[in-house]
């Protein structure tokens, strides 16, 4: 799930930057010089064109992508791992350490070059 989180975060940042750039590029409806002196209020609510142009449609699409990514990230962050039903369900059995085949057993080596006897004492001959 980490890759999905990263991908959504990248898409969200790119869509946010795109919305910022597109909003700054658009020309406001009442941004004419006459609007500063009060004559800009005579226009209709949506302007004379009525339909949205390319910039405003693209801004709306990027805003939709931004909000969908935000909701998806919120849902992913809110997911919790399922709790085990018992204490022993989450416990794992410890594995025994594996002995490599080429390591001789402890206590004596077959090809030992030491001068003394490398043979271990028999189990019955324990000094008292």
Protein backbone atom coordinates (compact mmCIF):
# COMPACT_ATOMS: atom_id res chain seq x y z
CA UNK A 1 0.00 0.00 0.00
CA UNK A 2 2.99 2.29 0.29
CA UNK A 3 3.29 2.63 -3.48
CA UNK A 4 -0.38 3.63 -3.72
CA UNK A 5 0.09 6.22 -1.02
CA UNK A 6 3.12 7.67 -2.82
CA UNK A 7 1.36 7.71 -6.19
CA UNK A 8 -1.71 9.47 -4.78
CA UNK A 9 0.50 12.03 -3.05
CA UNK A 10 2.36 12.79 -6.29
CA UNK A 11 -0.91 13.14 -8.25
CA UNK A 12 -2.33 15.39 -5.53
CA UNK A 13 0.69 17.71 -5.51
CA UNK A 14 0.75 17.94 -9.32
CA UNK A 15 -2.97 18.65 -9.50
CA UNK A 16 -2.66 21.31 -6.79
CA UNK A 17 0.14 23.03 -8.69
CA UNK A 18 -1.90 22.80 -11.90
CA UNK A 19 -4.93 24.39 -10.25
CA UNK A 20 -2.78 27.21 -8.87
CA UNK A 21 -1.22 27.92 -12.27
CA UNK A 22 -4.55 27.76 -14.13
CA UNK A 23 -6.33 30.03 -11.65
CA UNK A 24 -3.54 32.59 -11.90
CA UNK A 25 -3.64 32.47 -15.72
CA UNK A 26 -7.38 33.12 -15.97
CA UNK A 27 -8.74 36.57 -16.56
CA UNK A 28 -11.42 37.56 -14.08
CA UNK A 29 -14.89 38.52 -15.31
CA UNK A 30 -14.81 41.95 -13.70
CA UNK A 31 -11.09 42.62 -13.94
CA UNK A 32 -11.44 45.44 -16.49
CA UNK A 33 -10.48 48.99 -15.62
CA UNK A 34 -14.13 49.98 -15.52
CA UNK A 35 -14.82 47.43 -12.79
CA UNK A 36 -12.73 49.47 -10.38
CA UNK A 37 -15.10 52.44 -10.81
CA UNK A 38 -18.33 50.49 -10.47
CA UNK A 39 -19.29 49.81 -14.08
CA UNK A 40 -18.36 46.12 -13.98
CA UNK A 41 -21.46 45.05 -12.09
CA UNK A 42 -23.75 45.29 -15.10
CA UNK A 43 -22.58 41.95 -16.52
CA UNK A 44 -24.53 38.76 -15.98
CA UNK A 45 -23.52 36.13 -13.47
CA UNK A 46 -21.81 33.82 -15.99
CA UNK A 47 -20.74 36.46 -18.49
CA UNK A 48 -21.80 36.86 -22.10
CA UNK A 49 -20.33 33.56 -23.29
CA UNK A 50 -22.37 31.40 -20.92
CA UNK A 51 -20.23 28.30 -21.36
CA UNK A 52 -16.88 27.67 -19.76
CA UNK A 53 -13.73 28.02 -21.82
CA UNK A 54 -10.79 25.62 -21.89
CA UNK A 55 -8.98 27.06 -18.87
CA UNK A 56 -11.97 26.94 -16.56
CA UNK A 57 -12.91 23.40 -17.63
CA UNK A 58 -9.35 22.23 -17.08
CA UNK A 59 -9.29 23.95 -13.68
CA UNK A 60 -12.50 22.17 -12.71
CA UNK A 61 -11.12 18.80 -13.82
CA UNK A 62 -7.88 19.30 -11.88
CA UNK A 63 -9.83 20.43 -8.81
CA UNK A 64 -11.91 17.25 -9.03
CA UNK A 65 -8.74 15.13 -9.27
CA UNK A 66 -7.31 17.01 -6.27
CA UNK A 67 -10.37 16.36 -4.11
CA UNK A 68 -10.60 12.69 -5.13
CA UNK A 69 -6.92 12.21 -4.21
CA UNK A 70 -7.50 13.98 -0.91
CA UNK A 71 -10.40 11.67 -0.05
CA UNK A 72 -8.46 8.57 -1.10
CA UNK A 73 -5.46 9.58 1.02
CA UNK A 74 -7.75 10.22 3.99
CA UNK A 75 -9.32 6.77 3.60
CA UNK A 76 -5.93 5.07 3.31
CA UNK A 77 -4.59 6.89 6.36
CA UNK A 78 -7.65 5.88 8.40
CA UNK A 79 -7.29 2.13 7.72
CA UNK A 80 -6.06 0.17 10.71
CA UNK A 81 -4.65 -3.34 10.59
CA UNK A 82 -7.02 -6.02 11.76
CA UNK A 83 -6.37 -6.91 15.40
CA UNK A 84 -5.80 -10.58 16.26
CA UNK A 85 -8.70 -12.31 18.00
CA UNK A 86 -6.45 -13.99 20.59
CA UNK A 87 -3.10 -13.33 22.21
CA UNK A 88 -1.52 -16.41 20.65
CA UNK A 89 -2.69 -15.62 17.11
CA UNK A 90 -0.06 -12.92 16.64
CA UNK A 91 2.76 -14.95 18.26
CA UNK A 92 5.22 -16.59 15.92
CA UNK A 93 7.27 -19.71 16.61
CA UNK A 94 11.00 -18.97 16.93
CA UNK A 95 13.01 -20.76 14.28
CA UNK A 96 15.97 -22.93 15.30
CA UNK A 97 19.28 -21.61 13.94
CA UNK A 98 20.41 -23.60 10.94
CA UNK A 99 23.84 -25.21 11.01
CA UNK A 100 25.75 -25.17 7.73
CA UNK A 101 26.85 -28.61 6.50
CA UNK A 102 30.55 -27.73 6.29
CA UNK A 103 30.92 -26.56 9.92
CA UNK A 104 32.15 -29.35 12.26
CA UNK A 105 30.34 -29.87 15.54
CA UNK A 106 31.65 -28.08 18.63
CA UNK A 107 34.18 -29.95 20.82
CA UNK A 108 36.63 -31.17 18.23
CA UNK A 109 37.52 -30.85 14.60
CA UNK A 110 38.30 -33.80 12.33
CA UNK A 111 41.34 -32.15 10.74
CA UNK A 112 42.64 -30.38 13.83
CA UNK A 113 46.38 -29.50 13.80
CA UNK A 114 46.70 -28.85 17.52
CA UNK A 115 49.21 -31.02 19.38
CA UNK A 116 46.86 -32.16 22.13
CA UNK A 117 44.04 -34.66 22.05
CA UNK A 118 40.96 -33.13 20.51
CA UNK A 119 38.67 -36.00 21.59
CA UNK A 120 35.98 -35.05 24.09
CA UNK A 121 35.73 -37.01 27.30
CA UNK A 122 33.09 -39.75 27.42
CA UNK A 123 29.90 -38.86 29.24
CA UNK A 124 30.48 -41.46 31.98
CA UNK A 125 34.01 -40.24 32.91
CA UNK A 126 33.13 -36.95 34.55
CA UNK A 127 35.68 -35.94 37.23
CA UNK A 128 34.28 -35.65 40.74
